[in-house]
Amino acid sequence: MRILIVEDELPLAEALTQILKKNNYTVDAVNDGISGLDYALSGIYDLIILDIMLPGMDGINVLKSVRKNGFSTPIILLTAKGEISDKVAGLDSGADDYLAKPFATEELLARIRAASRRKGEIVTDSTLIYGDIELNTATLKLSKEDKEIKLILKECELMELLILRKNAVTSKELIIEKLWGFDSEAEYNNVEVYISFLRKKLAFLKSCVVINTVRGVGYVLEVKG
């Protein structure tokens, strides 16, 4: 799951980044509203944490622009404690949730999980199920019945993406954007390496789930008959 943080308080932005990375999220952070909007409109994020008070463009206008452009990405607003008017304006503009500063780490993580569930992803806490496999994004473990194998973070992120897009073709371009970021220098062979790793681990588990190649397009996760 890839998260965008838009927060101009650098210590807080850095702290949030580290917290989310420790919980196995992929994170990008920017520190002004204009950059935040540019990143949000790339369409590569699964959730956005957006401060209201930002230089360049405030969070409410960023939120309105994201929704005006047709993006339904879950957005959690960060508000000053006690600013009811900000909370109301944010929710009326299309925010999914809000957190008043300061907040506890556990509450932030719970709000992220809740926002993901409302988006309709097949998320139960940190577990995704497809075919005969189960992916735990918190422990980075892929399992089938009583057999499991540990994944590295990029493998876990790729498997999560494929499960969430089950039966749909996922292009190499989208994989690079989701796993490395739209301004990354990652290349197609990076994707091919991780696809190969995952195929070997699915084979180790003797799973009926396979990653098929659609030549010239990308990959699709399917259950073989």
Protein backbone atom coordinates (compact mmCIF):
# COMPACT_ATOMS: atom_id res chain seq x y z
CA MET A 1 0.00 0.00 0.00
CA ARG A 2 1.45 3.36 -1.05
CA ILE A 3 0.72 6.45 1.06
CA LEU A 4 1.32 10.13 0.30
CA ILE A 5 1.98 12.50 3.21
CA VAL A 6 1.43 16.22 2.61
CA GLU A 7 2.70 18.01 5.71
CA ASP A 8 4.76 21.20 5.99
CA GLU A 9 6.04 20.56 9.53
CA LEU A 10 9.24 18.72 8.60
CA PRO A 11 9.77 16.90 11.94
CA LEU A 12 6.19 15.61 11.86
CA ALA A 13 6.43 14.61 8.19
CA GLU A 14 9.63 12.69 8.90
CA ALA A 15 8.17 11.03 11.98
CA LEU A 16 5.06 9.94 10.06
CA THR A 17 7.21 8.60 7.24
CA GLN A 18 9.28 6.48 9.62
CA ILE A 19 6.23 5.19 11.49
CA LEU A 20 4.48 4.10 8.32
CA LYS A 21 7.58 2.52 6.82
CA LYS A 22 8.07 0.50 10.01
CA ASN A 23 4.53 -0.77 9.48
CA ASN A 24 5.42 -1.88 5.95
CA TYR A 25 3.77 0.94 4.02
CA THR A 26 5.49 2.60 1.06
CA VAL A 27 5.61 6.34 1.71
CA ASP A 28 6.28 9.57 -0.18
CA ALA A 29 6.22 12.92 1.62
CA VAL A 30 5.98 16.48 0.30
CA ASN A 31 5.83 19.73 2.23
CA ASP A 32 3.56 22.13 0.34
CA GLY A 33 0.09 22.09 -1.16
CA ILE A 34 1.09 22.56 -4.81
CA SER A 35 3.49 19.61 -4.73
CA GLY A 36 0.92 17.63 -2.78
CA LEU A 37 -1.67 18.15 -5.50
CA ASP A 38 0.80 17.21 -8.26
CA TYR A 39 1.68 13.98 -6.46
CA ALA A 40 -1.95 13.17 -5.61
CA LEU A 41 -3.04 13.59 -9.25
CA SER A 42 -0.48 11.01 -10.36
CA GLY A 43 -3.03 8.39 -9.28
CA ILE A 44 -0.42 6.04 -7.77
CA TYR A 45 -1.42 6.43 -4.12
CA ASP A 46 -3.77 4.19 -2.16
CA LEU A 47 -4.25 6.77 0.61
CA ILE A 48 -3.31 10.41 1.29
CA ILE A 49 -2.59 12.02 4.67
CA LEU A 50 -3.18 15.72 4.13
CA ASP A 51 -2.52 18.64 6.47
CA ILE A 52 -4.94 21.57 6.19
CA MET A 53 -2.49 24.40 6.87
CA LEU A 54 -0.01 24.27 3.97
CA PRO A 55 2.07 26.81 2.03
CA GLY A 56 1.27 27.33 -1.64
CA MET A 57 -2.21 25.82 -1.48
CA ASP A 58 -4.14 24.88 1.64
CA GLY A 59 -5.27 21.33 2.26
CA ILE A 60 -8.96 22.02 1.67
CA ASN A 61 -8.24 23.30 -1.85
CA VAL A 62 -5.93 20.36 -2.53
CA LEU A 63 -8.73 18.05 -1.43
CA LYS A 64 -11.32 19.81 -3.61
CA SER A 65 -9.00 19.63 -6.64
CA VAL A 66 -8.34 15.93 -6.12
CA ARG A 67 -12.07 15.20 -5.98
CA LYS A 68 -12.84 17.55 -8.89
CA ASN A 69 -10.41 15.54 -11.02
CA GLY A 70 -12.33 12.36 -10.29
CA PHE A 71 -9.98 10.68 -7.81
CA SER A 72 -11.62 8.70 -4.99
CA THR A 73 -8.36 8.04 -3.15
CA PRO A 74 -9.06 7.89 0.61
CA ILE A 75 -7.87 11.11 2.26
CA ILE A 76 -7.28 11.63 5.98
CA LEU A 77 -7.02 15.28 7.00
CA LEU A 78 -4.73 16.49 9.76
CA THR A 79 -6.34 19.37 11.65
CA ALA A 80 -5.41 21.67 14.51
CA LYS A 81 -6.91 20.49 17.78
CA GLY A 82 -10.36 21.93 18.37
CA GLU A 83 -10.81 23.49 14.92
CA ILE A 84 -14.34 22.20 14.28
CA SER A 85 -14.80 24.45 11.25
CA ASP A 86 -11.78 22.84 9.54
CA LYS A 87 -13.15 19.36 10.20
CA VAL A 88 -16.57 20.25 8.82
CA ALA A 89 -15.11 21.95 5.75
CA GLY A 90 -12.86 18.95 5.11
CA LEU A 91 -15.61 16.36 5.39
CA ASP A 92 -17.94 18.47 3.23
CA SER A 93 -15.19 18.71 0.59
CA GLY A 94 -14.78 14.95 0.35
CA ALA A 95 -12.36 13.89 3.09
CA ASP A 96 -12.82 10.35 4.39
CA ASP A 97 -11.62 11.05 7.91
CA TYR A 98 -9.67 13.52 10.04
CA LEU A 99 -7.19 13.44 12.89
CA ALA A 100 -6.63 16.30 15.33
CA LYS A 101 -3.01 17.00 16.27
CA PRO A 102 -1.44 15.66 18.39
CA PHE A 103 -2.53 12.06 17.83
CA ALA A 104 -1.37 8.60 18.88
CA THR A 105 0.40 6.32 16.44
CA GLU A 106 -2.10 3.54 17.11
CA GLU A 107 -5.00 5.82 16.21
CA LEU A 108 -3.36 6.87 12.94
CA LEU A 109 -2.77 3.25 11.92
CA ALA A 110 -6.35 2.34 12.83
CA ARG A 111 -7.71 5.24 10.75
CA ILE A 112 -5.59 4.11 7.77
CA ARG A 113 -6.94 0.56 8.03
CA ALA A 114 -10.50 1.86 8.33
CA ALA A 115 -10.12 4.16 5.30
CA SER A 116 -8.74 1.25 3.26
CA ARG A 117 -11.71 -0.93 4.16
CA ARG A 118 -14.16 1.82 3.17
CA LYS A 119 -12.47 2.00 -0.22
CA GLY A 120 -13.55 -1.58 -0.77
CA GLU A 121 -10.22 -3.34 -0.67
CA ILE A 122 -10.27 -6.92 0.62
CA VAL A 123 -8.44 -6.00 3.78
CA THR A 124 -9.05 -7.63 7.13
CA ASP A 125 -6.59 -5.93 9.43
CA SER A 126 -3.38 -6.66 7.47
CA THR A 127 -4.48 -9.86 5.71
CA LEU A 128 -5.42 -10.33 2.07
CA ILE A 129 -6.75 -13.63 0.71
CA TYR A 130 -6.85 -14.84 -2.88
CA GLY A 131 -7.30 -18.39 -4.09
CA ASP A 132 -5.52 -20.66 -1.62
CA ILE A 133 -2.99 -18.07 -0.42
CA GLU A 134 -3.02 -15.56 2.39
CA LEU A 135 -0.79 -12.47 2.48
CA ASN A 136 -0.06 -10.76 5.78
CA THR A 137 1.28 -7.30 4.95
CA ALA A 138 2.25 -6.64 8.58
CA THR A 139 4.49 -9.70 8.97
CA LEU A 140 5.44 -9.93 5.26
CA LYS A 141 4.39 -13.59 5.23
CA LEU A 142 2.78 -15.44 2.34
CA SER A 143 1.07 -18.65 3.37
CA LYS A 144 -1.02 -21.59 2.17
CA GLU A 145 -2.73 -23.58 4.92
CA ASP A 146 0.02 -24.47 7.41
CA LYS A 147 2.93 -23.64 5.09
CA GLU A 148 4.37 -20.12 4.91
CA ILE A 149 7.28 -18.18 3.52
CA LYS A 150 8.73 -14.77 4.37
CA LEU A 151 8.76 -12.06 1.71
CA ILE A 152 10.95 -9.00 1.44
CA LEU A 153 9.09 -5.67 1.43
CA LYS A 154 9.05 -5.13 -2.36
CA GLU A 155 7.80 -8.68 -2.92
CA CYS A 156 5.03 -8.08 -0.40
CA GLU A 157 4.04 -4.78 -2.02
CA LEU A 158 3.95 -6.41 -5.46
CA MET A 159 1.87 -9.36 -4.26
CA GLU A 160 -0.51 -6.95 -2.51
CA LEU A 161 -0.94 -4.96 -5.73
CA LEU A 162 -1.60 -8.09 -7.78
CA ILE A 163 -4.15 -9.40 -5.28
CA LEU A 164 -6.01 -6.09 -5.15
CA ARG A 165 -6.07 -6.09 -8.97
CA LYS A 166 -6.91 -9.81 -9.23
CA ASN A 167 -7.92 -10.99 -12.70
CA ALA A 168 -6.97 -7.59 -14.18
CA VAL A 169 -3.80 -7.03 -16.17
CA THR A 170 -1.27 -4.90 -14.27
CA SER A 171 1.24 -3.13 -16.48
CA LYS A 172 4.92 -2.85 -15.70
CA GLU A 173 4.51 0.92 -15.73
CA LEU A 174 1.88 0.78 -12.99
CA ILE A 175 4.00 -1.59 -10.92
CA ILE A 176 6.97 0.78 -11.12
CA GLU A 177 4.80 3.76 -10.16
CA LYS A 178 3.20 1.93 -7.21
CA LEU A 179 6.37 0.30 -5.84
CA TRP A 180 9.09 2.83 -6.65
CA GLY A 181 7.27 6.11 -7.41
CA PHE A 182 6.48 7.92 -10.64
CA ASP A 183 9.84 9.77 -10.66
CA SER A 184 11.85 6.60 -10.03
CA GLU A 185 14.65 5.35 -12.26
CA ALA A 186 13.52 1.74 -11.81
CA GLU A 187 13.30 -0.20 -15.08
CA TYR A 188 11.27 -3.11 -16.43
CA ASN A 189 13.94 -5.61 -15.44
CA ASN A 190 13.42 -4.60 -11.78
CA VAL A 191 9.81 -5.68 -12.13
CA GLU A 192 10.75 -8.91 -13.90
CA VAL A 193 13.13 -9.85 -11.09
CA TYR A 194 10.46 -9.49 -8.41
CA ILE A 195 7.87 -11.31 -10.51
CA SER A 196 10.36 -14.19 -10.80
CA PHE A 197 10.91 -14.19 -7.02
CA LEU A 198 7.16 -14.34 -6.35
CA ARG A 199 6.62 -17.14 -8.86
CA LYS A 200 9.25 -19.23 -7.11
CA LYS A 201 7.64 -18.62 -3.72
CA LEU A 202 4.19 -19.53 -5.02
CA ALA A 203 5.71 -22.72 -6.44
CA PHE A 204 7.34 -23.44 -3.06
CA LEU A 205 3.92 -23.19 -1.42
CA LYS A 206 2.43 -25.42 -4.15
CA SER A 207 -0.27 -22.79 -4.64
CA CYS A 208 -2.91 -22.85 -7.35
CA VAL A 209 -2.35 -19.09 -7.74
CA VAL A 210 -0.20 -18.15 -10.72
CA ILE A 211 1.23 -14.93 -12.15
CA ASN A 212 0.64 -15.06 -15.89
CA THR A 213 2.41 -12.82 -18.39
CA VAL A 214 0.31 -10.93 -20.92
CA ARG A 215 2.93 -10.31 -23.58
CA GLY A 216 3.55 -6.65 -24.27
CA VAL A 217 1.10 -5.56 -21.56
CA GLY A 218 1.97 -6.83 -18.08
CA TYR A 219 0.93 -9.47 -15.57
CA VAL A 220 -2.29 -10.95 -14.21
CA LEU A 221 -2.86 -12.94 -11.02
CA GLU A 222 -5.15 -15.93 -11.58
CA VAL A 223 -6.18 -19.22 -10.05
CA LYS A 224 -5.32 -22.13 -12.31
CA GLY A 225 -8.09 -24.66 -12.80
